[in-house]
Every structure is written in C-alpha cells, then in structure tokens.
Protein backbone atom coordinates (compact mmCIF):
# COMPACT_ATOMS: atom_id res chain seq x y z
CA MET A 1 -22.37 -22.85 -25.92
CA GLU A 2 -24.38 -22.76 -22.88
CA PHE A 3 -25.01 -19.36 -21.05
CA TRP A 4 -23.73 -20.33 -17.63
CA ILE A 5 -20.27 -21.00 -19.60
CA ILE A 6 -20.66 -17.44 -21.06
CA TRP A 7 -21.10 -16.25 -17.49
CA LEU A 8 -18.64 -17.83 -15.85
CA ILE A 9 -16.18 -16.22 -18.48
CA VAL A 10 -17.54 -12.87 -18.39
CA ALA A 11 -16.94 -13.11 -14.26
CA ALA A 12 -13.41 -14.26 -14.85
CA VAL A 13 -12.75 -11.33 -17.16
CA LEU A 14 -14.38 -8.92 -14.97
CA MET A 15 -12.29 -10.11 -11.77
CA VAL A 16 -9.02 -9.70 -13.94
CA VAL A 17 -10.36 -6.14 -14.57
CA GLU A 18 -10.68 -5.57 -10.88
CA LEU A 19 -7.41 -6.85 -10.03
CA ILE A 20 -5.83 -4.58 -12.53
CA THR A 21 -7.60 -1.42 -11.79
CA GLY A 22 -8.92 -1.97 -8.35
CA PHE A 23 -12.46 -0.50 -9.19
CA ILE A 24 -15.02 -1.90 -7.07
CA ALA A 25 -17.51 -1.64 -9.56
CA SER A 26 -16.11 -4.46 -11.82
CA PHE A 27 -16.03 -6.77 -8.44
CA CYS A 28 -19.57 -6.23 -8.14
CA LEU A 29 -20.43 -7.09 -11.75
CA ALA A 30 -18.38 -10.24 -11.58
CA VAL A 31 -20.24 -11.34 -8.50
CA GLY A 32 -23.80 -10.66 -10.38
CA ALA A 33 -21.96 -12.63 -13.25
CA LEU A 34 -20.99 -15.50 -11.05
CA VAL A 35 -24.83 -15.66 -9.46
CA ALA A 36 -26.24 -15.77 -13.05
CA SER A 37 -23.78 -18.60 -13.88
CA VAL A 38 -25.07 -20.77 -10.90
CA CYS A 39 -28.60 -19.98 -12.17
CA GLY A 40 -27.93 -21.00 -15.64
CA MET A 41 -25.95 -24.34 -14.15
CA ALA A 42 -29.59 -24.92 -12.32
CA GLY A 43 -31.32 -24.95 -15.54
CA PHE A 44 -33.24 -21.59 -15.36
CA GLY A 45 -33.90 -19.56 -18.32
CA ILE A 46 -32.13 -16.56 -19.75
CA GLU A 47 -34.90 -14.34 -18.19
CA ALA A 48 -34.17 -15.64 -14.60
CA GLN A 49 -30.62 -15.39 -15.22
CA LEU A 50 -30.50 -11.71 -16.31
CA ILE A 51 -32.86 -11.14 -13.26
CA ALA A 52 -30.13 -13.11 -10.84
CA MET A 53 -27.71 -11.05 -12.42
CA VAL A 54 -29.19 -7.83 -11.56
CA ALA A 55 -29.91 -8.98 -8.08
CA GLY A 56 -26.22 -10.50 -7.53
CA VAL A 57 -24.97 -6.74 -8.71
CA VAL A 58 -27.50 -4.71 -6.39
CA LEU A 59 -26.94 -7.04 -3.35
CA SER A 60 -23.01 -6.97 -3.91
CA PHE A 61 -23.08 -3.00 -4.16
CA ILE A 62 -25.09 -2.85 -1.09
CA PHE A 63 -23.07 -5.42 1.20
CA LEU A 64 -19.65 -6.07 -0.30
CA ALA A 65 -18.52 -2.59 -1.71
CA PRO A 66 -18.85 -1.48 1.55
CA LEU A 67 -16.75 -4.34 3.29
CA VAL A 68 -14.13 -3.85 0.62
CA ASN A 69 -13.78 -0.31 1.21
CA ARG A 70 -13.27 -0.68 4.65
CA ILE A 71 -10.62 -3.21 4.42
CA ARG A 72 -9.08 -1.13 2.02
CA LYS A 73 -9.16 1.96 4.18
CA GLY A 74 -7.93 -0.08 6.96
CA ARG A 75 -4.53 -0.85 5.13
CA LYS A 76 -4.02 2.69 4.21
CA ALA A 77 -4.43 3.75 7.69
CA HIS A 78 -1.67 1.72 8.91
CA ARG A 79 0.80 2.32 6.13
CA GLU A 80 3.36 4.14 8.73
CA ASP A 81 3.49 1.21 10.72
CA TYR A 82 5.74 -0.25 7.74
CA ASN A 83 8.19 2.62 7.36
CA SER A 84 10.43 2.58 4.23
CA ASN A 85 12.80 4.92 2.75
CA MET A 86 14.17 7.88 4.36
CA ASN A 87 11.55 7.18 7.35
CA ALA A 88 12.98 3.79 8.12
CA LEU A 89 16.46 5.53 9.28
CA ILE A 90 14.70 7.77 11.98
CA GLY A 91 15.66 6.53 15.25
CA ARG A 92 18.60 4.60 14.01
CA GLU A 93 21.94 4.89 15.49
CA ALA A 94 25.54 5.05 14.13
CA VAL A 95 28.95 6.35 14.38
CA VAL A 96 30.19 9.65 13.26
CA GLU A 97 32.96 8.92 10.46
CA ARG A 98 33.66 12.49 9.42
CA GLU A 99 33.15 15.22 12.12
CA ILE A 100 30.45 17.66 11.97
CA PRO A 101 31.45 21.35 12.11
CA ALA A 102 30.19 23.77 14.45
CA ASP A 103 29.15 26.19 11.46
CA GLY A 104 26.36 23.74 10.39
CA GLY A 105 28.65 21.99 7.67
CA LEU A 106 28.09 18.21 6.77
CA GLY A 107 29.50 15.05 8.40
CA ARG A 108 29.27 11.55 7.18
CA MET A 109 28.35 8.32 8.63
CA ARG A 110 27.27 4.86 7.76
CA ILE A 111 24.36 2.94 8.16
CA ASP A 112 23.72 -0.53 6.94
CA GLY A 113 26.70 -0.28 4.67
CA ASP A 114 25.35 3.18 2.98
CA SER A 115 27.51 6.56 3.45
CA TRP A 116 25.23 9.32 4.61
CA GLN A 117 25.77 13.19 4.59
CA ILE A 118 24.88 14.18 8.22
CA ARG A 119 23.86 17.61 10.12
CA GLY A 120 23.56 17.99 13.75
CA ALA A 121 20.26 18.83 14.76
CA ASP A 122 20.77 22.21 16.61
CA GLY A 123 23.78 23.33 14.24
CA GLU A 124 26.03 21.45 17.24
CA ALA A 125 29.56 20.04 16.23
CA ILE A 126 29.92 16.41 16.70
CA GLY A 127 33.14 14.84 16.49
CA HIS A 128 34.69 11.83 14.97
CA GLY A 129 33.82 8.32 16.30
CA ARG A 130 30.84 9.71 18.54
CA ARG A 131 27.63 7.89 18.51
CA VAL A 132 24.49 9.69 17.00
CA LYS A 133 21.17 9.10 16.40
CA VAL A 134 18.83 10.03 13.46
CA VAL A 135 16.25 12.40 14.45
CA GLY A 136 14.81 13.48 11.05
CA TYR A 137 15.96 14.40 7.39
CA ASP A 138 16.11 17.16 4.79
CA SER A 139 15.93 15.91 1.20
CA ILE A 140 19.01 13.18 1.51
CA ILE A 141 20.95 14.67 4.50
CA LEU A 142 20.18 13.03 7.72
CA ILE A 143 19.67 15.25 10.82
CA VAL A 144 21.64 13.71 14.07
CA LYS A 145 21.78 13.99 17.72
CA ALA A 146 24.86 12.81 19.73
CA ILE A 147 23.84 10.45 22.35
C-alpha cells in the first residue's frame, strides 16, 4: 500500500474525531496528514512527507485554529437571537382562561395549545378573558401583565 493512501486514511479518521469531539487539534493534524498525502501522490519520499506533515500541522495551528475558534465564538455570542424553551414565551400575548386572584395566586392561559400557570407581575388581579403579555417566568409559572 502506498504511503499517500495511509495519509489519506489518517486524515479521514482525524476529521471524524474532529466532528465527534470538536477538538481543534485533531483538525490541524488532519490538515497535516492531507498535506503529507498530497506530497506522497506527487512522488516525494517518506522524509519529505513527514516534513510536509509537520509543516501542515504547524501552519494550520497558526492560521486555521484561530479562524475556526473565531467562527465558533461568533456562533455562541448570538445564541440569544434564537430563543428556545421558556425564553421563547417572553413577549407573547394570550387571553386569561382562569382569573388571577389579587392575593398573588395563580391563574391559567393557553399559548400554542399549551395551558400555563400564570401570576400577575405586581401581584395584581387579572380577570378572565383579559389579554396579557408574558414578561418573565419563575420556574414553570409565567409572569404576565395586563395589556
């Protein structure tokens, strides 16, 4: 078996490891193995392939690793743009199905077919049939204000 095929297999395995773990070092090693594979296809000896591997790894750590880290950091910074779970309910409007008593008790409303327990934002009483807006949550209880 030719060395360039071995380098190509090593690069593929390292890319699978990168996809599973997200560890940037395996990506840089895969780039180095790919560069060594290209040198092997060009007919260079094993010494040149090893030098190409080391050069590819070093250059990918210098240039590609910071780029990948910057891209990953950018994705995490904008995570709140895509609200999910309870955060997605904040700002939504609905109609009270069971009134909220003035003593800070709980009422009920429906959002997207789901029935939620609700409490007035300032301990206010909100009657049945009133429109409310979700302003927050406490565990699984939505905090609402009358609109």
